[in-house]
Amino acid sequence: MSNFRRVLSSGLNKVLELPAGLGCRIVALPQIASRLDAGYEKTKRQYARHLPAIGGNDRAIVDGLRTNGVFVTSLEQLNLPSAEHFLQQADALERQHLPLRRSFQAGAAAIMAHRQIYHWGLHGRLLDIAENYLGVPVGYDGINVFFTLADGRESGVRLWHRDSEDRRMLKIAVYIHDVDEGNGPFQVLRRRIPAYDHLPGGRLPGLTQHQLEGALPDFDMARDVVTCTGKRGTVVFSDTASFYHRGMPAITRDRYAIFFNYIGRVPLRPFRCERSMISRAQIHQLAKELPARQRDCVLWRNALPLVARILPPAPTYSSM
């Protein structure tokens, strides 16, 4: 990209970010924030009696999320009926993109062509786990298919960061390749960073490894960070809003992983959502194919108050 196009693109993105920035400032106003928080707590209390029953491994996942913000399992242990077909679709999507040889996320056409991957995230058991962890009706905010080149760069989602869409979130990452410390495992910081815990408006900075260590002078990688390595088919459940996390920069081999995103049906900052590459029209198209419960999760925007539906979402970036 030429310097002129890069500057033009940067300027356009800043303009497109303005509505979301305004929304963040509005929900951070003390009188509005207190009302929103009260409504959220009321919804949790009222919904507690309606939470779906879970047990066994699914209960262990929720308990692990509450304790550490992360839980690592596998497609085999989850034993969902469509797992093998899911991996076949993921392999087909990878073959389609192999010639590109760069870090990026798959676009709308690829996701729509392999919609079974999108549908996998709507399995009833996964929604049950999400609702039990979030404590409120769940919204399904789509998927992100990340191809990470082994270039060692510390940028984008490879910086330590927290997601700002909601108070609490759930992401489920599925590794399509074996992942070790050389090709970009997902990492979660177990502890808080006091200086960044209560910044207004969701303005949570991204940090390099050096900046993270500066913010936590007694930082210890082995003690403070969960590094989620694993074989093909490893599944990582994590709360990406409550905990700093990153994709560790890949060095030795490329990484290919798919992320499934879950928020409350009425998230705190809906204008920070919709970060998958598919459009609202495509989402409505996918929703037509689904049972009622899954359709409601996909069309979570229908539950928003009118004022929250007016603000357009922040722009989505295809590069990492």
Protein backbone atom coordinates (compact mmCIF):
# COMPACT_ATOMS: atom_id res chain seq x y z
CA MET A 1 0.00 0.00 0.00
CA SER A 2 1.40 3.43 -0.94
CA ASN A 3 1.99 6.06 1.74
CA PHE A 4 -0.86 8.15 0.33
CA ARG A 5 -3.32 5.25 0.47
CA ARG A 6 -2.12 4.34 3.96
CA VAL A 7 -2.67 7.90 5.23
CA LEU A 8 -6.07 8.05 3.49
CA SER A 9 -7.12 4.72 4.99
CA SER A 10 -5.97 5.79 8.45
CA GLY A 11 -7.91 9.05 8.20
CA LEU A 12 -11.05 7.27 7.01
CA ASN A 13 -10.84 4.75 9.87
CA LYS A 14 -10.56 7.59 12.39
CA VAL A 15 -13.73 9.13 10.99
CA LEU A 16 -15.54 5.78 11.07
CA GLU A 17 -14.43 5.29 14.68
CA LEU A 18 -16.07 8.53 15.82
CA PRO A 19 -19.60 7.15 16.49
CA ALA A 20 -18.22 4.24 18.54
CA GLY A 21 -15.99 6.64 20.48
CA LEU A 22 -19.01 8.82 21.19
CA GLY A 23 -20.95 5.79 22.40
CA CYS A 24 -18.13 4.81 24.74
CA ARG A 25 -18.08 8.27 26.26
CA ILE A 26 -21.86 8.26 26.72
CA VAL A 27 -22.05 4.91 28.54
CA ALA A 28 -19.13 6.01 30.75
CA LEU A 29 -21.03 9.09 32.05
CA PRO A 30 -21.59 8.42 35.78
CA GLN A 31 -25.36 8.88 35.74
CA ILE A 32 -25.76 6.63 32.69
CA ALA A 33 -23.18 4.06 33.82
CA SER A 34 -24.94 3.61 37.17
CA ARG A 35 -28.32 3.03 35.49
CA LEU A 36 -26.83 0.56 33.02
CA ASP A 37 -25.02 -1.31 35.79
CA ALA A 38 -28.21 -1.51 37.88
CA GLY A 39 -30.15 -2.86 34.90
CA TYR A 40 -27.43 -5.41 34.19
CA GLU A 41 -27.41 -6.69 37.78
CA LYS A 42 -31.21 -6.90 37.75
CA THR A 43 -31.11 -8.95 34.53
CA LYS A 44 -28.60 -11.35 36.07
CA ARG A 45 -30.74 -11.84 39.17
CA GLN A 46 -33.89 -12.44 37.14
CA TYR A 47 -32.20 -14.76 34.67
CA ALA A 48 -30.46 -16.89 37.31
CA ARG A 49 -33.51 -19.17 37.59
CA HIS A 50 -33.59 -19.65 33.81
CA LEU A 51 -29.97 -20.66 33.29
CA PRO A 52 -29.73 -24.00 31.45
CA ALA A 53 -28.63 -26.97 33.53
CA ILE A 54 -25.09 -28.18 32.86
CA GLY A 55 -22.90 -30.79 34.48
CA GLY A 56 -19.71 -32.79 34.19
CA ASN A 57 -17.11 -31.34 31.84
CA ASP A 58 -19.29 -28.35 30.94
CA ARG A 59 -19.54 -27.34 34.60
CA ALA A 60 -15.76 -27.73 34.91
CA ILE A 61 -15.32 -25.31 31.98
CA VAL A 62 -17.50 -22.66 33.65
CA ASP A 63 -15.72 -23.13 37.00
CA GLY A 64 -12.33 -22.85 35.29
CA LEU A 65 -13.37 -19.63 33.58
CA ARG A 66 -14.50 -18.16 36.90
CA THR A 67 -11.22 -19.13 38.58
CA ASN A 68 -8.61 -18.35 35.93
CA GLY A 69 -10.43 -16.72 33.03
CA VAL A 70 -9.42 -19.64 30.80
CA PHE A 71 -10.04 -23.36 30.34
CA VAL A 72 -8.31 -25.63 27.82
CA THR A 73 -9.93 -28.78 26.45
CA SER A 74 -10.26 -30.45 23.02
CA LEU A 75 -12.81 -31.29 20.37
CA GLU A 76 -12.43 -34.92 21.37
CA GLN A 77 -13.23 -34.21 25.02
CA LEU A 78 -16.14 -31.92 24.12
CA ASN A 79 -17.51 -34.73 21.96
CA LEU A 80 -19.81 -32.55 19.88
CA PRO A 81 -21.33 -34.52 17.00
CA SER A 82 -20.19 -32.20 14.18
CA ALA A 83 -16.50 -31.92 15.20
CA GLU A 84 -15.02 -33.94 12.33
CA HIS A 85 -17.07 -32.09 9.70
CA PHE A 86 -16.04 -28.82 11.34
CA LEU A 87 -12.34 -29.69 10.92
CA GLN A 88 -12.89 -30.74 7.31
CA GLN A 89 -14.49 -27.36 6.57
CA ALA A 90 -11.64 -25.58 8.35
CA ASP A 91 -9.08 -27.48 6.26
CA ALA A 92 -10.91 -26.57 3.06
CA LEU A 93 -10.94 -22.91 4.07
CA GLU A 94 -7.21 -23.03 4.76
CA ARG A 95 -6.41 -24.55 1.36
CA GLN A 96 -8.35 -21.71 -0.24
CA HIS A 97 -6.09 -19.12 1.44
CA LEU A 98 -2.68 -20.83 1.41
CA PRO A 99 -1.35 -18.87 -1.61
CA LEU A 100 -1.73 -15.53 0.24
CA ARG A 101 1.08 -16.21 2.75
CA ARG A 102 0.41 -13.27 5.04
CA SER A 103 -1.28 -12.54 8.37
CA PHE A 104 -4.96 -11.74 7.99
CA GLN A 105 -8.47 -12.89 8.83
CA ALA A 106 -10.78 -14.63 6.39
CA GLY A 107 -13.38 -12.42 4.76
CA ALA A 108 -17.13 -12.65 4.35
CA ALA A 109 -17.13 -14.69 1.14
CA ALA A 110 -14.97 -17.41 2.71
CA ILE A 111 -17.09 -17.57 5.87
CA MET A 112 -20.34 -17.76 3.92
CA ALA A 113 -18.89 -20.50 1.70
CA HIS A 114 -18.00 -22.52 4.81
CA ARG A 115 -20.97 -21.58 6.96
CA GLN A 116 -20.86 -24.88 8.84
CA ILE A 117 -17.94 -23.38 10.75
CA TYR A 118 -20.13 -20.45 11.79
CA HIS A 119 -22.94 -22.84 12.73
CA TRP A 120 -20.63 -24.94 14.92
CA GLY A 121 -20.41 -22.11 17.42
CA LEU A 122 -24.19 -22.25 17.89
CA HIS A 123 -24.29 -25.79 19.24
CA GLY A 124 -26.69 -25.90 22.19
CA ARG A 125 -24.07 -27.08 24.67
CA LEU A 126 -21.76 -24.21 23.78
CA LEU A 127 -24.60 -21.74 24.27
CA ASP A 128 -25.40 -23.39 27.63
CA ILE A 129 -21.78 -22.96 28.75
CA ALA A 130 -21.75 -19.34 27.57
CA GLU A 131 -24.99 -18.47 29.40
CA ASN A 132 -23.85 -20.10 32.63
CA TYR A 133 -20.63 -18.12 32.55
CA LEU A 134 -22.10 -14.79 31.40
CA GLY A 135 -25.18 -15.13 33.64
CA VAL A 136 -27.44 -13.38 31.11
CA PRO A 137 -29.07 -14.31 27.78
CA VAL A 138 -26.27 -14.86 25.29
CA GLY A 139 -25.60 -13.14 21.99
CA TYR A 140 -23.48 -14.80 19.30
CA ASP A 141 -21.17 -12.21 17.75
CA GLY A 142 -19.89 -14.40 14.96
CA ILE A 143 -16.45 -15.79 14.22
CA ASN A 144 -12.96 -14.63 13.35
CA VAL A 145 -10.72 -16.88 11.27
CA PHE A 146 -7.12 -15.83 11.87
CA PHE A 147 -4.11 -16.84 9.78
CA THR A 148 -0.95 -15.73 11.59
CA LEU A 149 2.35 -15.62 9.68
CA ALA A 150 5.46 -16.62 11.64
CA ASP A 151 7.07 -13.19 11.40
CA GLY A 152 7.57 -12.50 15.12
CA ARG A 153 5.70 -9.19 14.90
CA GLU A 154 4.16 -7.80 18.08
CA SER A 155 1.13 -5.93 16.76
CA GLY A 156 -2.67 -6.11 16.51
CA VAL A 157 -4.07 -9.07 18.43
CA ARG A 158 -0.48 -10.09 19.25
CA LEU A 159 -0.32 -7.22 21.72
CA TRP A 160 -1.57 -7.78 25.27
CA HIS A 161 -5.10 -6.36 25.28
CA ARG A 162 -8.60 -6.66 26.68
CA ASP A 163 -11.77 -6.64 24.61
CA SER A 164 -14.23 -3.86 25.38
CA GLU A 165 -17.50 -5.05 23.85
CA ASP A 166 -19.04 -6.11 27.15
CA ARG A 167 -18.42 -6.35 30.89
CA ARG A 168 -17.77 -10.07 30.55
CA MET A 169 -17.29 -12.07 27.36
CA LEU A 170 -16.54 -15.58 26.22
CA LYS A 171 -14.36 -16.53 23.29
CA ILE A 172 -13.79 -20.08 22.16
CA ALA A 173 -10.64 -20.65 20.11
CA VAL A 174 -10.13 -23.85 18.13
CA TYR A 175 -6.61 -24.67 16.91
CA ILE A 176 -6.60 -26.10 13.39
CA HIS A 177 -2.84 -26.82 13.59
CA ASP A 178 -0.70 -28.11 16.43
CA VAL A 179 0.34 -25.04 18.44
CA ASP A 180 3.47 -24.79 20.58
CA GLU A 181 5.34 -21.76 21.90
CA GLY A 182 6.94 -21.22 18.50
CA ASN A 183 3.79 -20.69 16.47
CA GLY A 184 1.67 -18.32 18.47
CA PRO A 185 -0.29 -19.91 21.34
CA PHE A 186 -3.12 -17.98 22.93
CA GLN A 187 -1.99 -16.49 26.25
CA VAL A 188 -4.01 -15.15 29.19
CA LEU A 189 -2.68 -12.98 32.01
CA ARG A 190 -4.00 -14.46 35.26
CA ARG A 191 -3.66 -11.25 37.27
CA ARG A 192 -4.94 -7.69 37.00
CA ILE A 193 -3.00 -4.59 35.99
CA PRO A 194 -4.16 -2.05 38.59
CA ALA A 195 -3.33 1.01 36.48
CA TYR A 196 -5.58 -0.21 33.66
CA ASP A 197 -8.46 -1.79 35.57
CA HIS A 198 -10.88 1.13 35.67
CA LEU A 199 -10.19 3.32 32.65
CA PRO A 200 -13.41 5.06 31.52
CA GLY A 201 -15.06 4.32 28.23
CA GLY A 202 -13.31 1.00 27.64
CA ARG A 203 -10.08 2.75 26.64
CA LEU A 204 -7.85 -0.20 27.47
CA PRO A 205 -4.36 0.10 25.95
CA GLY A 206 -2.60 -2.62 24.01
CA LEU A 207 0.76 -3.53 25.53
CA THR A 208 3.93 -5.08 24.20
CA GLN A 209 5.59 -7.71 26.36
CA HIS A 210 8.09 -5.07 27.50
CA GLN A 211 5.30 -2.64 28.46
CA LEU A 212 3.45 -5.38 30.33
CA GLU A 213 6.53 -6.19 32.39
CA GLY A 214 6.94 -2.47 33.11
CA ALA A 215 3.35 -2.24 34.35
CA LEU A 216 3.90 -5.27 36.64
CA PRO A 217 7.38 -4.92 38.15
CA ASP A 218 7.15 -8.33 39.86
CA PHE A 219 5.93 -10.04 36.68
CA ASP A 220 6.73 -13.72 36.35
CA MET A 221 5.80 -15.45 33.10
CA ALA A 222 5.49 -18.94 34.58
CA ARG A 223 3.32 -17.74 37.46
CA ASP A 224 1.26 -14.99 35.85
CA VAL A 225 0.51 -16.23 32.33
CA VAL A 226 -1.44 -19.24 31.05
CA THR A 227 0.09 -20.29 27.71
CA CYS A 228 -2.40 -22.43 25.82
CA THR A 229 -0.39 -24.84 23.69
CA GLY A 230 -2.02 -27.92 22.22
CA LYS A 231 -2.55 -30.31 19.35
CA ARG A 232 -4.85 -29.77 16.38
CA GLY A 233 -8.39 -29.69 17.78
CA THR A 234 -7.42 -27.99 21.04
CA VAL A 235 -10.24 -25.76 22.30
CA VAL A 236 -9.56 -22.73 24.49
CA PHE A 237 -12.40 -21.06 26.43
CA SER A 238 -11.48 -17.59 27.72
CA ASP A 239 -12.95 -14.36 29.08
CA THR A 240 -11.29 -11.78 26.87
CA ALA A 241 -13.03 -8.78 28.44
CA SER A 242 -11.99 -9.43 32.04
CA PHE A 243 -8.41 -10.57 31.39
CA TYR A 244 -5.51 -9.27 29.35
CA HIS A 245 -4.62 -11.75 26.62
CA ARG A 246 -2.83 -12.04 23.28
CA GLY A 247 -1.81 -14.36 20.50
CA MET A 248 1.88 -14.88 21.28
CA PRO A 249 3.91 -13.73 18.24
CA ALA A 250 4.56 -16.73 15.99
CA ILE A 251 8.22 -17.37 15.17
CA THR A 252 8.83 -20.89 13.88
CA ARG A 253 5.58 -21.85 12.10
CA ASP A 254 2.37 -20.15 10.97
CA ARG A 255 -0.76 -20.47 13.10
CA TYR A 256 -4.34 -21.01 11.99
CA ALA A 257 -7.12 -20.69 14.56
CA ILE A 258 -10.83 -19.92 14.61
CA PHE A 259 -12.46 -17.80 17.33
CA PHE A 260 -16.14 -17.87 18.29
CA ASN A 261 -17.48 -14.80 20.11
CA TYR A 262 -20.17 -14.63 22.81
CA ILE A 263 -21.52 -11.54 24.57
CA GLY A 264 -24.57 -10.65 26.61
CA ARG A 265 -27.72 -10.23 24.51
CA VAL A 266 -27.56 -6.51 25.44
CA PRO A 267 -23.80 -5.79 25.63
CA LEU A 268 -22.40 -2.70 27.32
CA ARG A 269 -20.82 -1.38 24.12
CA PRO A 270 -22.69 -2.84 21.12
CA PHE A 271 -20.92 -0.36 18.83
CA ARG A 272 -17.67 -2.25 19.62
CA CYS A 273 -19.23 -5.55 18.54
CA GLU A 274 -19.80 -6.98 15.05
CA ARG A 275 -16.06 -7.49 14.47
CA SER A 276 -16.49 -10.57 12.30
CA MET A 277 -16.16 -9.92 8.59
CA ILE A 278 -19.75 -10.68 7.57
CA SER A 279 -22.38 -8.01 7.04
CA ARG A 280 -25.72 -7.62 8.82
CA ALA A 281 -27.48 -8.73 5.65
CA GLN A 282 -25.41 -11.92 5.62
CA ILE A 283 -26.11 -12.45 9.32
CA HIS A 284 -29.85 -12.28 8.62
CA GLN A 285 -29.36 -14.74 5.77
CA LEU A 286 -27.60 -17.17 8.10
CA ALA A 287 -30.25 -16.68 10.78
CA LYS A 288 -33.01 -17.92 8.45
CA GLU A 289 -31.41 -21.38 8.52
CA LEU A 290 -31.43 -21.69 12.31
CA PRO A 291 -33.78 -22.91 15.08
CA ALA A 292 -35.42 -20.25 17.26
CA ARG A 293 -32.89 -20.23 20.11
CA GLN A 294 -29.89 -19.95 17.80
CA ARG A 295 -31.64 -17.36 15.66
CA ASP A 296 -32.24 -15.15 18.71
CA CYS A 297 -28.56 -15.43 19.64
CA VAL A 298 -27.44 -14.44 16.15
CA LEU A 299 -29.92 -11.55 15.95
CA TRP A 300 -28.95 -10.17 19.35
CA ARG A 301 -29.16 -6.60 18.04
CA ASN A 302 -32.95 -6.95 18.04
CA ALA A 303 -32.82 -6.88 21.86
CA LEU A 304 -31.01 -3.52 21.98
CA PRO A 305 -32.83 -0.33 22.93
CA LEU A 306 -33.41 1.95 19.95
CA VAL A 307 -30.72 4.45 20.91
CA ALA A 308 -28.09 1.68 20.96
CA ARG A 309 -29.15 0.50 17.51
CA ILE A 310 -28.68 3.93 15.97
CA LEU A 311 -24.90 4.16 16.44
CA PRO A 312 -23.00 2.25 13.73
CA PRO A 313 -20.29 -0.18 14.84
CA ALA A 314 -16.60 0.64 14.73
CA PRO A 315 -14.86 -0.49 11.52
CA THR A 316 -13.58 -4.04 11.15
CA TYR A 317 -10.01 -4.63 10.05
CA SER A 318 -9.01 -7.61 7.90
CA SER A 319 -5.30 -7.41 8.73
CA MET A 320 -3.74 -8.43 12.05
